[in-house]
Amino acid sequence: MTSSTDPATDHMLCMAVDCKAIATKQVLCEMVMEKTGKTERHKIRFCEDHYLRQMAYQYAMEHKK
């Protein structure tokens, strides 16, 4: 397998940093851009593992308030 990206399969991969697993979930995320402070919404694809990690993080943040 080469290190270059493959447009035929890139749309199916998890978007977490350095993850090459197949995405099984897609969520609409609201993000605050670090440089501009602007809020944007993007569809993010996650594998099962990263999806569960994100949900656990959100749960923890909501119950911290």
Protein backbone atom coordinates (compact mmCIF):
# COMPACT_ATOMS: atom_id res chain seq x y z
CA MET A 1 0.00 0.00 0.00
CA THR A 2 1.33 3.46 -0.86
CA SER A 3 1.36 6.49 1.39
CA SER A 4 -0.51 8.67 -1.12
CA THR A 5 -4.20 9.28 -0.78
CA ASP A 6 -6.73 7.40 -2.89
CA PRO A 7 -9.79 9.45 -3.90
CA ALA A 8 -11.74 6.21 -4.43
CA THR A 9 -11.53 5.29 -0.73
CA ASP A 10 -10.70 8.55 1.10
CA HIS A 11 -14.40 9.39 1.44
CA MET A 12 -14.86 6.21 3.51
CA LEU A 13 -12.08 6.75 6.07
CA CYS A 14 -12.33 8.03 9.62
CA MET A 15 -11.36 11.70 9.83
CA ALA A 16 -9.63 11.41 13.24
CA VAL A 17 -5.94 12.31 13.14
CA ASP A 18 -3.77 9.43 11.88
CA CYS A 19 -6.70 6.99 11.74
CA LYS A 20 -6.98 4.83 8.63
CA ALA A 21 -10.04 2.82 9.73
CA ILE A 22 -13.26 2.69 7.73
CA ALA A 23 -15.80 5.23 9.00
CA THR A 24 -19.09 3.81 10.26
CA LYS A 25 -20.64 7.01 11.65
CA GLN A 26 -21.12 10.52 10.31
CA VAL A 27 -21.97 13.40 12.63
CA LEU A 28 -22.56 17.11 12.21
CA CYS A 29 -20.02 18.87 14.41
CA GLU A 30 -19.87 22.49 15.45
CA MET A 31 -16.29 23.73 15.71
CA VAL A 32 -14.64 26.94 16.77
CA MET A 33 -11.72 27.72 14.48
CA GLU A 34 -8.57 28.33 16.51
CA LYS A 35 -7.11 31.15 14.41
CA THR A 36 -10.28 33.14 13.69
CA GLY A 37 -12.60 32.21 16.55
CA LYS A 38 -15.33 31.65 13.93
CA THR A 39 -17.86 28.86 14.53
CA GLU A 40 -18.37 26.45 11.63
CA ARG A 41 -20.38 23.27 11.11
CA HIS A 42 -18.88 20.29 9.28
CA LYS A 43 -19.87 16.67 8.65
CA ILE A 44 -17.22 14.46 10.23
CA ARG A 45 -16.79 10.74 9.61
CA PHE A 46 -15.67 8.53 12.51
CA CYS A 47 -14.80 4.86 12.92
CA GLU A 48 -16.63 3.14 15.79
CA ASP A 49 -13.73 3.68 18.23
CA HIS A 50 -13.33 7.41 17.58
CA TYR A 51 -17.10 7.93 17.57
CA LEU A 52 -17.38 6.41 21.05
CA ARG A 53 -14.43 8.49 22.27
CA GLN A 54 -16.06 11.68 20.94
CA MET A 55 -19.39 10.85 22.57
CA ALA A 56 -17.64 10.15 25.90
CA TYR A 57 -15.79 13.47 25.64
CA GLN A 58 -19.02 15.37 24.91
CA TYR A 59 -20.77 13.66 27.82
CA ALA A 60 -17.94 14.58 30.17
CA MET A 61 -17.92 18.21 28.99
CA GLU A 62 -21.70 18.57 29.35
CA HIS A 63 -21.68 17.17 32.88
CA LYS A 64 -18.73 19.32 33.94
CA LYS A 65 -20.85 22.49 33.70
